[in-house]
Amino acid sequence: MKVSKAQAAQNRQDILEAAARLYREHGLAGVGVAEVTRGAGLTHGGLYRHFESKDALVREACASAFELPKAVLQDALQRASPDQARPAFVQAYLSAAHRDQPGEGCPVAALAVDVGRAGGGVAEAFTQGVKGNITRFAALAHGLAPGQKPSPAQRTDAVFTLATLVGALVLARATAPADAALSDEILATVRTHLTAPRPKRRGRDATK
């Protein structure tokens, strides 16, 4: 039976979503084509009607994983007032729920090591996602207007904060199976540090 254009587009999207989730859960090397198509509810051969190769799928899945945060982050951001957006993001990112649900969370913490080894087009797609995250977080944390470019200090703050968040989450996930208390301590310590009141800075480059 011939598949309609609308259904074909939906099948492609289902494959991308399944791949993005499974890669974050199990790593790029831990998921085969069969697992992806099964996760999308399709047959093995159906994947190659939408993607020329597995590498092409990985590239697009990595890019897709950088779309707006899902349940673990989105709810906190939607409920936060503008001046609480930054601490709400930190609290949600360094939560036990985010730690325990890699398939629904940040692709940076889940895939950075794999992407570094893969290189090529996958690394390019991942890098674009990281750049976008830096820009979006700077806007979120400092209340920038749409399209407003962050100052050098605001960009530095965004890079530092995101790198700290990712590192803490990676350590918390790595230690959770053997020492749950240590994993919780890592999350709580970094949450407290990043949400503590920051002294106001003076000068042209002061952050908001």
C-alpha atoms as a PDB file:
ATOM      1  CA  MET A   1       0.000   0.000   0.000  1.00  0.00           C
ATOM      2  CA  LYS A   2       1.315   3.433  -0.969  1.00  0.00           C
ATOM      3  CA  VAL A   3       1.977   5.744   1.951  1.00  0.00           C
ATOM      4  CA  SER A   4       0.626   9.288   1.744  1.00  0.00           C
ATOM      5  CA  LYS A   5       2.999  12.246   1.925  1.00  0.00           C
ATOM      6  CA  ALA A   6       1.568  13.186   5.301  1.00  0.00           C
ATOM      7  CA  GLN A   7       2.105   9.699   6.668  1.00  0.00           C
ATOM      8  CA  ALA A   8       5.609   9.540   5.218  1.00  0.00           C
ATOM      9  CA  ALA A   9       6.460  12.821   6.932  1.00  0.00           C
ATOM     10  CA  GLN A  10       5.045  11.497  10.202  1.00  0.00           C
ATOM     11  CA  ASN A  11       7.036   8.268   9.873  1.00  0.00           C
ATOM     12  CA  ARG A  12      10.209  10.279   9.348  1.00  0.00           C
ATOM     13  CA  GLN A  13       9.500  12.380  12.406  1.00  0.00           C
ATOM     14  CA  ASP A  14       8.765   9.277  14.469  1.00  0.00           C
ATOM     15  CA  ILE A  15      12.119   7.801  13.449  1.00  0.00           C
ATOM     16  CA  LEU A  16      13.944  10.995  14.401  1.00  0.00           C
ATOM     17  CA  GLU A  17      12.247  11.179  17.793  1.00  0.00           C
ATOM     18  CA  ALA A  18      12.917   7.503  18.527  1.00  0.00           C
ATOM     19  CA  ALA A  19      16.570   7.858  17.484  1.00  0.00           C
ATOM     20  CA  ALA A  20      17.107  11.020  19.523  1.00  0.00           C
ATOM     21  CA  ARG A  21      15.649   9.336  22.603  1.00  0.00           C
ATOM     22  CA  LEU A  22      17.483   6.019  22.194  1.00  0.00           C
ATOM     23  CA  TYR A  23      20.852   7.614  21.431  1.00  0.00           C
ATOM     24  CA  ARG A  24      20.584   9.696  24.590  1.00  0.00           C
ATOM     25  CA  GLU A  25      19.635   6.636  26.610  1.00  0.00           C
ATOM     26  CA  HIS A  26      22.197   4.170  25.239  1.00  0.00           C
ATOM     27  CA  GLY A  27      24.828   6.173  23.329  1.00  0.00           C
ATOM     28  CA  LEU A  28      25.507   6.344  19.612  1.00  0.00           C
ATOM     29  CA  ALA A  29      27.274   2.982  19.491  1.00  0.00           C
ATOM     30  CA  GLY A  30      24.673   1.253  21.644  1.00  0.00           C
ATOM     31  CA  VAL A  31      21.737   1.575  19.270  1.00  0.00           C
ATOM     32  CA  GLY A  32      21.275  -0.112  15.904  1.00  0.00           C
ATOM     33  CA  VAL A  33      18.909   0.602  13.053  1.00  0.00           C
ATOM     34  CA  ALA A  34      16.586  -2.196  14.156  1.00  0.00           C
ATOM     35  CA  GLU A  35      16.159  -0.648  17.619  1.00  0.00           C
ATOM     36  CA  VAL A  36      15.420   2.769  16.138  1.00  0.00           C
ATOM     37  CA  THR A  37      12.784   1.535  13.705  1.00  0.00           C
ATOM     38  CA  ARG A  38      11.233  -0.671  16.370  1.00  0.00           C
ATOM     39  CA  GLY A  39      11.100   2.319  18.698  1.00  0.00           C
ATOM     40  CA  ALA A  40       9.294   4.257  15.956  1.00  0.00           C
ATOM     41  CA  GLY A  41       6.879   1.396  15.323  1.00  0.00           C
ATOM     42  CA  LEU A  42       8.171   0.791  11.779  1.00  0.00           C
ATOM     43  CA  THR A  43       9.947  -1.968   9.892  1.00  0.00           C
ATOM     44  CA  HIS A  44      13.722  -2.123   9.519  1.00  0.00           C
ATOM     45  CA  GLY A  45      13.712  -1.317   5.807  1.00  0.00           C
ATOM     46  CA  GLY A  46      11.531   1.736   6.292  1.00  0.00           C
ATOM     47  CA  LEU A  47      14.380   3.782   7.694  1.00  0.00           C
ATOM     48  CA  TYR A  48      16.330   3.909   4.438  1.00  0.00           C
ATOM     49  CA  ARG A  49      13.378   5.410   2.616  1.00  0.00           C
ATOM     50  CA  HIS A  50      13.878   8.492   4.779  1.00  0.00           C
ATOM     51  CA  PHE A  51      17.636   8.584   5.468  1.00  0.00           C
ATOM     52  CA  GLU A  52      20.438   7.725   3.069  1.00  0.00           C
ATOM     53  CA  SER A  53      22.549   6.106   5.790  1.00  0.00           C
ATOM     54  CA  LYS A  54      22.785   5.550   9.514  1.00  0.00           C
ATOM     55  CA  ASP A  55      25.273   8.428   9.701  1.00  0.00           C
ATOM     56  CA  ALA A  56      22.686  10.735   8.152  1.00  0.00           C
ATOM     57  CA  LEU A  57      20.155   9.594  10.738  1.00  0.00           C
ATOM     58  CA  VAL A  58      22.612  10.185  13.595  1.00  0.00           C
ATOM     59  CA  ARG A  59      23.348  13.716  12.349  1.00  0.00           C
ATOM     60  CA  GLU A  60      19.690  14.656  12.152  1.00  0.00           C
ATOM     61  CA  ALA A  61      18.810  12.934  15.413  1.00  0.00           C
ATOM     62  CA  CYS A  62      21.540  14.898  17.218  1.00  0.00           C
ATOM     63  CA  ALA A  63      20.198  18.138  15.774  1.00  0.00           C
ATOM     64  CA  SER A  64      16.627  17.142  16.671  1.00  0.00           C
ATOM     65  CA  ALA A  65      17.612  16.413  20.278  1.00  0.00           C
ATOM     66  CA  PHE A  66      18.479  20.093  20.751  1.00  0.00           C
ATOM     67  CA  GLU A  67      14.897  21.238  20.255  1.00  0.00           C
ATOM     68  CA  LEU A  68      13.035  22.889  23.131  1.00  0.00           C
ATOM     69  CA  PRO A  69      13.485  21.118  26.484  1.00  0.00           C
ATOM     70  CA  LYS A  70      10.962  18.383  27.167  1.00  0.00           C
ATOM     71  CA  ALA A  71       8.947  17.675  30.310  1.00  0.00           C
ATOM     72  CA  VAL A  72      11.819  17.632  32.788  1.00  0.00           C
ATOM     73  CA  LEU A  73      12.820  21.250  31.966  1.00  0.00           C
ATOM     74  CA  GLN A  74       9.891  22.750  30.125  1.00  0.00           C
ATOM     75  CA  ASP A  75       7.404  22.768  32.990  1.00  0.00           C
ATOM     76  CA  ALA A  76       9.765  24.602  35.340  1.00  0.00           C
ATOM     77  CA  LEU A  77      10.512  27.269  32.749  1.00  0.00           C
ATOM     78  CA  GLN A  78       6.869  27.831  31.885  1.00  0.00           C
ATOM     79  CA  ARG A  79       5.936  28.375  35.527  1.00  0.00           C
ATOM     80  CA  ALA A  80       8.848  30.663  36.403  1.00  0.00           C
ATOM     81  CA  SER A  81       8.658  34.445  36.516  1.00  0.00           C
ATOM     82  CA  PRO A  82      11.288  36.239  34.393  1.00  0.00           C
ATOM     83  CA  ASP A  83      13.602  36.916  37.344  1.00  0.00           C
ATOM     84  CA  GLN A  84      13.354  33.270  38.411  1.00  0.00           C
ATOM     85  CA  ALA A  85      14.006  31.728  34.987  1.00  0.00           C
ATOM     86  CA  ARG A  86      17.691  31.121  35.623  1.00  0.00           C
ATOM     87  CA  PRO A  87      17.328  29.391  39.026  1.00  0.00           C
ATOM     88  CA  ALA A  88      14.326  27.431  37.737  1.00  0.00           C
ATOM     89  CA  PHE A  89      16.393  26.161  34.825  1.00  0.00           C
ATOM     90  CA  VAL A  90      19.258  25.168  37.136  1.00  0.00           C
ATOM     91  CA  GLN A  91      16.927  23.419  39.578  1.00  0.00           C
ATOM     92  CA  ALA A  92      15.247  21.467  36.788  1.00  0.00           C
ATOM     93  CA  TYR A  93      18.474  20.595  34.976  1.00  0.00           C
ATOM     94  CA  LEU A  94      20.156  19.316  38.144  1.00  0.00           C
ATOM     95  CA  SER A  95      17.139  17.343  39.333  1.00  0.00           C
ATOM     96  CA  ALA A  96      16.943  13.637  40.059  1.00  0.00           C
ATOM     97  CA  ALA A  97      14.283  13.352  37.352  1.00  0.00           C
ATOM     98  CA  HIS A  98      16.599  14.754  34.670  1.00  0.00           C
ATOM     99  CA  ARG A  99      19.464  12.592  35.902  1.00  0.00           C
ATOM    100  CA  ASP A 100      17.312   9.462  35.741  1.00  0.00           C
ATOM    101  CA  GLN A 101      15.717  10.174  32.332  1.00  0.00           C
ATOM    102  CA  PRO A 102      18.577  10.749  29.868  1.00  0.00           C
ATOM    103  CA  GLY A 103      16.381   9.848  26.917  1.00  0.00           C
ATOM    104  CA  GLU A 104      14.162  12.861  27.589  1.00  0.00           C
ATOM    105  CA  GLY A 105      16.872  15.292  28.605  1.00  0.00           C
ATOM    106  CA  CYS A 106      19.883  17.290  27.522  1.00  0.00           C
ATOM    107  CA  PRO A 107      21.763  15.807  24.550  1.00  0.00           C
ATOM    108  CA  VAL A 108      25.014  17.487  25.596  1.00  0.00           C
ATOM    109  CA  ALA A 109      25.369  15.540  28.830  1.00  0.00           C
ATOM    110  CA  ALA A 110      24.187  12.334  27.170  1.00  0.00           C
ATOM    111  CA  LEU A 111      26.205  12.414  23.944  1.00  0.00           C
ATOM    112  CA  ALA A 112      29.251  14.685  24.272  1.00  0.00           C
ATOM    113  CA  VAL A 113      31.807  11.891  24.656  1.00  0.00           C
ATOM    114  CA  ASP A 114      30.334   9.828  21.810  1.00  0.00           C
ATOM    115  CA  VAL A 115      30.188  12.833  19.503  1.00  0.00           C
ATOM    116  CA  GLY A 116      33.798  13.746  20.247  1.00  0.00           C
ATOM    117  CA  ARG A 117      34.841  10.288  19.101  1.00  0.00           C
ATOM    118  CA  ALA A 118      32.549  10.274  16.063  1.00  0.00           C
ATOM    119  CA  GLY A 119      33.678  13.636  14.646  1.00  0.00           C
ATOM    120  CA  GLY A 120      32.629  14.640  11.132  1.00  0.00           C
ATOM    121  CA  GLY A 121      29.078  15.684  10.370  1.00  0.00           C
ATOM    122  CA  VAL A 122      27.796  14.442  13.716  1.00  0.00           C
ATOM    123  CA  ALA A 123      30.198  16.753  15.550  1.00  0.00           C
ATOM    124  CA  GLU A 124      29.164  19.647  13.302  1.00  0.00           C
ATOM    125  CA  ALA A 125      25.462  19.132  14.072  1.00  0.00           C
ATOM    126  CA  PHE A 126      26.220  18.783  17.775  1.00  0.00           C
ATOM    127  CA  THR A 127      28.377  21.922  17.798  1.00  0.00           C
ATOM    128  CA  GLN A 128      25.598  23.955  16.207  1.00  0.00           C
ATOM    129  CA  GLY A 129      23.276  22.712  18.941  1.00  0.00           C
ATOM    130  CA  VAL A 130      25.730  23.748  21.651  1.00  0.00           C
ATOM    131  CA  LYS A 131      26.088  27.213  20.110  1.00  0.00           C
ATOM    132  CA  GLY A 132      22.317  27.583  20.087  1.00  0.00           C
ATOM    133  CA  ASN A 133      22.118  26.512  23.725  1.00  0.00           C
ATOM    134  CA  ILE A 134      24.658  29.152  24.733  1.00  0.00           C
ATOM    135  CA  THR A 135      22.706  31.889  22.966  1.00  0.00           C
ATOM    136  CA  ARG A 136      19.348  30.749  24.371  1.00  0.00           C
ATOM    137  CA  PHE A 137      20.655  30.406  27.912  1.00  0.00           C
ATOM    138  CA  ALA A 138      22.273  33.843  27.812  1.00  0.00           C
ATOM    139  CA  ALA A 139      18.911  35.288  26.737  1.00  0.00           C
ATOM    140  CA  LEU A 140      17.042  33.323  29.423  1.00  0.00           C
ATOM    141  CA  ALA A 141      19.461  34.112  32.247  1.00  0.00           C
ATOM    142  CA  HIS A 142      19.807  37.820  31.502  1.00  0.00           C
ATOM    143  CA  GLY A 143      16.342  38.701  30.234  1.00  0.00           C
ATOM    144  CA  LEU A 144      17.467  39.674  26.746  1.00  0.00           C
ATOM    145  CA  ALA A 145      14.957  40.735  24.133  1.00  0.00           C
ATOM    146  CA  PRO A 146      14.428  38.443  21.120  1.00  0.00           C
ATOM    147  CA  GLY A 147      17.380  38.836  18.778  1.00  0.00           C
ATOM    148  CA  GLN A 148      19.421  40.862  21.283  1.00  0.00           C
ATOM    149  CA  LYS A 149      23.065  39.816  21.301  1.00  0.00           C
ATOM    150  CA  PRO A 150      24.523  39.012  24.731  1.00  0.00           C
ATOM    151  CA  SER A 151      27.414  41.083  25.984  1.00  0.00           C
ATOM    152  CA  PRO A 152      30.829  39.380  26.335  1.00  0.00           C
ATOM    153  CA  ALA A 153      30.255  39.011  30.090  1.00  0.00           C
ATOM    154  CA  GLN A 154      26.796  37.528  29.566  1.00  0.00           C
ATOM    155  CA  ARG A 155      28.125  35.056  27.016  1.00  0.00           C
ATOM    156  CA  THR A 156      30.978  34.090  29.350  1.00  0.00           C
ATOM    157  CA  ASP A 157      28.459  33.505  32.131  1.00  0.00           C
ATOM    158  CA  ALA A 158      26.322  31.328  29.832  1.00  0.00           C
ATOM    159  CA  VAL A 159      29.284  29.206  28.718  1.00  0.00           C
ATOM    160  CA  PHE A 160      30.535  28.773  32.289  1.00  0.00           C
ATOM    161  CA  THR A 161      27.099  27.919  33.684  1.00  0.00           C
ATOM    162  CA  LEU A 162      26.176  25.432  30.952  1.00  0.00           C
ATOM    163  CA  ALA A 163      29.558  23.693  31.187  1.00  0.00           C
ATOM    164  CA  THR A 164      29.130  23.434  34.960  1.00  0.00           C
ATOM    165  CA  LEU A 165      25.601  22.043  34.597  1.00  0.00           C
ATOM    166  CA  VAL A 166      26.679  19.436  32.066  1.00  0.00           C
ATOM    167  CA  GLY A 167      29.681  18.349  34.118  1.00  0.00           C
ATOM    168  CA  ALA A 168      27.601  17.989  37.264  1.00  0.00           C
ATOM    169  CA  LEU A 169      24.929  15.964  35.489  1.00  0.00           C
ATOM    170  CA  VAL A 170      27.483  13.646  33.895  1.00  0.00           C
ATOM    171  CA  LEU A 171      29.133  12.997  37.271  1.00  0.00           C
ATOM    172  CA  ALA A 172      25.770  12.474  38.971  1.00  0.00           C
ATOM    173  CA  ARG A 173      24.726   9.913  36.368  1.00  0.00           C
ATOM    174  CA  ALA A 174      28.053   8.113  36.495  1.00  0.00           C
ATOM    175  CA  THR A 175      28.024   7.777  40.282  1.00  0.00           C
ATOM    176  CA  ALA A 176      24.311   7.044  40.796  1.00  0.00           C
ATOM    177  CA  PRO A 177      24.473   3.227  40.292  1.00  0.00           C
ATOM    178  CA  ALA A 178      27.260   2.715  42.851  1.00  0.00           C
ATOM    179  CA  ASP A 179      26.657   5.569  45.307  1.00  0.00           C
ATOM    180  CA  ALA A 180      23.249   7.240  45.150  1.00  0.00           C
ATOM    181  CA  ALA A 181      24.083   9.509  48.085  1.00  0.00           C
ATOM    182  CA  LEU A 182      27.155  10.903  46.327  1.00  0.00           C
ATOM    183  CA  SER A 183      25.142  11.431  43.143  1.00  0.00           C
ATOM    184  CA  ASP A 184      22.509  13.383  45.064  1.00  0.00           C
ATOM    185  CA  GLU A 185      25.235  15.373  46.818  1.00  0.00           C
ATOM    186  CA  ILE A 186      26.775  16.414  43.498  1.00  0.00           C
ATOM    187  CA  LEU A 187      23.422  17.652  42.205  1.00  0.00           C
ATOM    188  CA  ALA A 188      22.571  19.489  45.427  1.00  0.00           C
ATOM    189  CA  THR A 189      25.989  21.114  45.800  1.00  0.00           C
ATOM    190  CA  VAL A 190      26.101  22.508  42.281  1.00  0.00           C
ATOM    191  CA  ARG A 191      22.429  23.568  42.432  1.00  0.00           C
ATOM    192  CA  THR A 192      23.148  25.554  45.584  1.00  0.00           C
ATOM    193  CA  HIS A 193      26.274  27.142  44.127  1.00  0.00           C
ATOM    194  CA  LEU A 194      24.620  28.190  40.865  1.00  0.00           C
ATOM    195  CA  THR A 195      21.434  29.546  42.450  1.00  0.00           C
ATOM    196  CA  ALA A 196      23.092  31.492  45.279  1.00  0.00           C
ATOM    197  CA  PRO A 197      22.525  35.268  45.052  1.00  0.00           C
ATOM    198  CA  ARG A 198      25.213  36.807  42.891  1.00  0.00           C
ATOM    199  CA  PRO A 199      26.805  40.160  43.753  1.00  0.00           C
ATOM    200  CA  LYS A 200      25.874  42.903  41.339  1.00  0.00           C
ATOM    201  CA  ARG A 201      28.670  44.024  39.084  1.00  0.00           C
ATOM    202  CA  ARG A 202      29.403  47.580  38.029  1.00  0.00           C
ATOM    203  CA  GLY A 203      30.492  48.816  34.640  1.00  0.00           C
ATOM    204  CA  ARG A 204      29.474  48.629  31.012  1.00  0.00           C
ATOM    205  CA  ASP A 205      29.686  44.848  30.827  1.00  0.00           C
ATOM    206  CA  ALA A 206      27.763  44.108  34.015  1.00  0.00           C
ATOM    207  CA  THR A 207      25.286  41.269  33.650  1.00  0.00           C
ATOM    208  CA  LYS A 208      21.690  41.814  34.552  1.00  0.00           C
END
